[in-house]
Amino acid sequence: MATPDTPVPARKQPPPEEHDSGGLGYEAGPEPTPTSPLVIILGALSVVLLVLTVLFWSRMSARERTIEGNANHLAQVEAGAAARQSELEEARAGLTRLKDQLAESRTESQQLKTTLTQTKTGAEQLQSQLEKARVASAAYQTQLTEAEVAAIQSKAESERAQAQQVAAQSSIDQLRTETQELQARVTEAATRSAELQRNLDNARSEIARLQSPPAKK
């Protein structure tokens, strides 16, 4: 039995077996078959063909993606063009409506101007008639005064003066009635003239509004 101080002898490795070159020590495997050059060429061509096929399909995929992207972009451009065309048509329609409204406003303004001119002419004629009625009333008033003076001066002409006074008073009353009617007509004409002037001012304001450029959105 060995103690810790006693060294253990190393085991000797058996010497390697010598193989006989004649094939007695091991069995030889099958000899490799020589490769034909045609097989090598076909293999190389297959690899090249495979690489070309992969490159071809890669390019075709990229081209299809490009075509698809161009088609999508073209569709977007066409959709935008259609939207712009629709907006343009709407803007043209709105401009046509504004032109029609402007033409109508101008026509109404011209009609209002004509009516206002006619009303002013009628008011001037009524005013002239009123002045004539006032002159006639003053003349009849003078005649009445003269008749009263003549009645005081001559009793003989009293009845004739009284008749003239009655006739003059009747004429004065009639003239006063006509004057009041003419005054009412003048007032009505003035009212219509003021109303037409307001309508004309409103039409001018509408024309100015329509002629001003629309605000950009």
Protein backbone atom coordinates (compact mmCIF):
# COMPACT_ATOMS: atom_id res chain seq x y z
CA MET A 1 0.00 0.00 0.00
CA ALA A 2 1.55 3.32 -0.95
CA THR A 3 1.93 6.17 1.49
CA PRO A 4 1.49 9.82 0.66
CA ASP A 5 5.29 10.24 0.53
CA THR A 6 5.77 7.41 -1.85
CA PRO A 7 5.54 8.45 -5.52
CA VAL A 8 3.15 6.54 -7.75
CA PRO A 9 4.84 5.22 -10.87
CA ALA A 10 3.35 6.55 -14.17
CA ARG A 11 1.60 4.17 -16.43
CA LYS A 12 3.28 3.53 -19.70
CA GLN A 13 1.23 4.16 -22.84
CA PRO A 14 1.24 1.23 -25.23
CA PRO A 15 3.09 1.94 -28.44
CA PRO A 16 0.96 2.83 -31.46
CA GLU A 17 0.11 0.00 -33.65
CA GLU A 18 1.85 -0.05 -36.94
CA HIS A 19 -0.42 -0.35 -39.95
CA ASP A 20 0.67 -2.44 -42.76
CA SER A 21 0.72 -0.60 -46.00
CA GLY A 22 -0.55 -3.75 -47.66
CA GLY A 23 -3.94 -3.35 -46.04
CA LEU A 24 -3.52 -6.08 -43.41
CA GLY A 25 -3.93 -3.75 -40.40
CA TYR A 26 -7.28 -1.85 -41.54
CA GLU A 27 -9.97 -1.98 -44.16
CA ALA A 28 -9.58 0.59 -46.92
CA GLY A 29 -12.67 2.66 -48.00
CA PRO A 30 -13.99 3.04 -51.57
CA GLU A 31 -11.88 5.10 -53.86
CA PRO A 32 -13.39 8.60 -54.80
CA THR A 33 -14.98 8.84 -58.22
CA PRO A 34 -13.30 11.45 -60.42
CA THR A 35 -15.61 14.52 -61.16
CA SER A 36 -16.47 15.14 -64.80
CA PRO A 37 -15.83 18.67 -66.23
CA LEU A 38 -19.37 18.68 -67.70
CA VAL A 39 -20.87 18.22 -64.24
CA ILE A 40 -18.78 21.11 -62.94
CA ILE A 41 -19.87 23.32 -65.84
CA LEU A 42 -23.52 22.37 -65.36
CA GLY A 43 -23.24 23.07 -61.65
CA ALA A 44 -21.66 26.45 -62.31
CA LEU A 45 -24.34 27.25 -64.89
CA SER A 46 -27.04 26.20 -62.40
CA VAL A 47 -25.59 28.52 -59.79
CA VAL A 48 -25.34 31.37 -62.29
CA LEU A 49 -28.89 30.68 -63.48
CA LEU A 50 -30.11 30.65 -59.89
CA VAL A 51 -28.36 33.95 -59.16
CA LEU A 52 -29.75 35.49 -62.36
CA THR A 53 -33.24 34.21 -61.49
CA VAL A 54 -33.03 35.73 -58.03
CA LEU A 55 -31.77 39.03 -59.47
CA PHE A 56 -34.50 38.98 -62.13
CA TRP A 57 -37.28 38.38 -59.61
CA SER A 58 -35.79 41.02 -57.30
CA ARG A 59 -35.78 43.55 -60.12
CA MET A 60 -39.27 42.53 -61.17
CA SER A 61 -40.52 42.94 -57.59
CA ALA A 62 -38.84 46.35 -57.35
CA ARG A 63 -40.32 47.37 -60.71
CA GLU A 64 -43.79 46.19 -59.65
CA ARG A 65 -43.47 48.17 -56.43
CA THR A 66 -42.38 51.20 -58.43
CA ILE A 67 -45.26 50.78 -60.87
CA GLU A 68 -47.71 50.34 -58.00
CA GLY A 69 -46.33 53.44 -56.26
CA ASN A 70 -46.57 55.43 -59.50
CA ALA A 71 -50.14 54.20 -60.01
CA ASN A 72 -51.07 55.24 -56.46
CA HIS A 73 -49.42 58.62 -56.96
CA LEU A 74 -51.22 59.04 -60.29
CA ALA A 75 -54.53 58.16 -58.62
CA GLN A 76 -53.86 60.72 -55.90
CA VAL A 77 -52.96 63.36 -58.49
CA GLU A 78 -56.11 62.58 -60.50
CA ALA A 79 -58.24 62.73 -57.34
CA GLY A 80 -56.67 66.09 -56.43
CA ALA A 81 -57.22 67.36 -59.97
CA ALA A 82 -60.86 66.28 -59.85
CA ALA A 83 -61.30 68.04 -56.50
CA ARG A 84 -59.66 71.21 -57.87
CA GLN A 85 -61.88 71.02 -60.97
CA SER A 86 -64.96 70.69 -58.76
CA GLU A 87 -63.87 73.68 -56.68
CA LEU A 88 -63.23 75.64 -59.86
CA GLU A 89 -66.70 74.82 -61.18
CA GLU A 90 -68.26 75.87 -57.87
CA ALA A 91 -66.27 79.12 -57.92
CA ARG A 92 -67.41 79.81 -61.49
CA ALA A 93 -71.02 79.11 -60.54
CA GLY A 94 -70.72 81.43 -57.53
CA LEU A 95 -69.18 84.15 -59.73
CA THR A 96 -72.04 83.77 -62.22
CA ARG A 97 -74.58 84.11 -59.40
CA LEU A 98 -72.81 87.21 -58.12
CA LYS A 99 -72.82 88.72 -61.60
CA ASP A 100 -76.54 88.00 -61.95
CA GLN A 101 -77.24 89.54 -58.54
CA LEU A 102 -75.14 92.56 -59.48
CA ALA A 103 -77.03 92.97 -62.76
CA GLU A 104 -80.37 92.66 -60.93
CA SER A 105 -79.26 95.19 -58.32
CA ARG A 106 -78.19 97.62 -61.04
CA THR A 107 -81.52 97.17 -62.82
CA GLU A 108 -83.45 97.74 -59.59
CA SER A 109 -81.29 100.77 -58.83
CA GLN A 110 -81.99 102.21 -62.28
CA GLN A 111 -85.71 101.58 -61.81
CA LEU A 112 -85.60 103.25 -58.41
CA LYS A 113 -83.78 106.24 -59.92
CA THR A 114 -86.43 106.52 -62.65
CA THR A 115 -89.28 106.24 -60.13
CA LEU A 116 -87.60 108.80 -57.87
CA THR A 117 -87.20 111.20 -60.80
CA GLN A 118 -90.84 110.75 -61.74
CA THR A 119 -91.90 111.27 -58.12
CA LYS A 120 -89.78 114.41 -57.84
CA THR A 121 -91.31 115.69 -61.09
CA GLY A 122 -94.81 114.95 -59.77
CA ALA A 123 -93.98 116.66 -56.48
CA GLU A 124 -92.71 119.72 -58.34
CA GLN A 125 -95.91 119.81 -60.41
CA LEU A 126 -98.02 119.50 -57.25
CA GLN A 127 -95.97 122.25 -55.62
CA SER A 128 -96.58 124.47 -58.67
CA GLN A 129 -100.30 123.76 -58.49
CA LEU A 130 -100.25 124.54 -54.77
CA GLU A 131 -98.55 127.87 -55.45
CA LYS A 132 -101.17 128.67 -58.08
CA ALA A 133 -103.93 127.75 -55.64
CA ARG A 134 -102.38 129.98 -53.01
CA VAL A 135 -102.18 132.86 -55.49
CA ALA A 136 -105.83 132.29 -56.47
CA SER A 137 -106.80 132.09 -52.79
CA ALA A 138 -105.01 135.36 -52.14
CA ALA A 139 -106.82 136.91 -55.10
CA TYR A 140 -110.17 135.68 -53.83
CA GLN A 141 -109.26 136.95 -50.38
CA THR A 142 -108.53 140.35 -51.93
CA GLN A 143 -111.86 140.25 -53.73
CA LEU A 144 -113.56 139.37 -50.45
CA THR A 145 -111.88 142.28 -48.74
CA GLU A 146 -112.85 144.61 -51.56
CA ALA A 147 -116.39 143.29 -51.38
CA GLU A 148 -116.51 143.96 -47.65
CA VAL A 149 -115.22 147.51 -48.21
CA ALA A 150 -117.73 148.06 -50.97
CA ALA A 151 -120.54 146.81 -48.71
CA ILE A 152 -119.55 149.30 -46.03
CA GLN A 153 -119.30 152.16 -48.52
CA SER A 154 -122.55 151.54 -50.31
CA LYS A 155 -125.70 150.11 -48.85
CA ALA A 156 -127.12 149.85 -52.34
CA GLU A 157 -124.43 147.44 -53.28
CA SER A 158 -124.83 145.56 -50.03
CA GLU A 159 -126.77 142.66 -51.47
CA ARG A 160 -124.42 142.38 -54.45
CA ALA A 161 -121.45 142.56 -52.10
CA GLN A 162 -122.99 139.94 -49.86
CA ALA A 163 -123.56 137.70 -52.90
CA GLN A 164 -119.96 138.29 -53.99
CA GLN A 165 -118.86 137.61 -50.44
CA VAL A 166 -120.77 134.34 -50.35
CA ALA A 167 -119.42 133.36 -53.74
CA ALA A 168 -115.92 134.39 -52.73
CA GLN A 169 -116.23 132.51 -49.45
CA SER A 170 -117.44 129.44 -51.30
CA SER A 171 -114.56 129.78 -53.73
CA ILE A 172 -112.17 130.27 -50.83
CA ASP A 173 -113.54 127.19 -49.06
CA GLN A 174 -113.24 125.23 -52.25
CA LEU A 175 -109.72 126.52 -52.78
CA ARG A 176 -108.87 125.73 -49.18
CA THR A 177 -110.19 122.20 -49.67
CA GLU A 178 -108.20 121.84 -52.89
CA THR A 179 -105.17 123.35 -51.13
CA GLN A 180 -105.47 120.83 -48.31
CA GLU A 181 -105.80 117.99 -50.84
CA LEU A 182 -102.79 119.29 -52.75
CA GLN A 183 -100.88 119.63 -49.48
CA ALA A 184 -101.74 116.02 -48.58
CA ARG A 185 -100.62 114.86 -52.02
CA VAL A 186 -97.39 116.83 -51.66
CA THR A 187 -96.80 115.24 -48.25
CA GLU A 188 -97.49 111.79 -49.67
CA ALA A 189 -95.17 112.47 -52.59
CA ALA A 190 -92.46 113.64 -50.20
CA THR A 191 -92.92 110.46 -48.14
CA ARG A 192 -92.68 108.28 -51.24
CA SER A 193 -89.63 110.26 -52.38
CA ALA A 194 -87.91 109.66 -49.02
CA GLU A 195 -88.80 105.96 -49.15
CA LEU A 196 -87.50 105.64 -52.70
CA GLN A 197 -84.32 107.47 -51.66
CA ARG A 198 -83.81 104.93 -48.84
CA ASN A 199 -84.38 102.06 -51.28
CA LEU A 200 -81.89 103.65 -53.69
CA ASP A 201 -79.31 103.97 -50.89
CA ASN A 202 -79.87 100.30 -49.93
CA ALA A 203 -79.46 99.26 -53.58
CA ARG A 204 -76.22 101.25 -53.84
CA SER A 205 -74.93 99.58 -50.66
CA GLU A 206 -75.84 96.15 -52.07
CA ILE A 207 -74.05 96.96 -55.35
CA ALA A 208 -70.97 98.10 -53.44
CA ARG A 209 -71.03 94.89 -51.39
CA LEU A 210 -71.35 92.69 -54.47
CA GLN A 211 -68.59 94.58 -56.30
CA SER A 212 -66.15 94.18 -53.41
CA PRO A 213 -63.82 91.11 -53.84
CA PRO A 214 -64.79 88.09 -51.68
CA ALA A 215 -62.62 87.26 -48.68
CA LYS A 216 -60.09 84.52 -49.24
CA LYS A 217 -60.61 81.31 -47.28
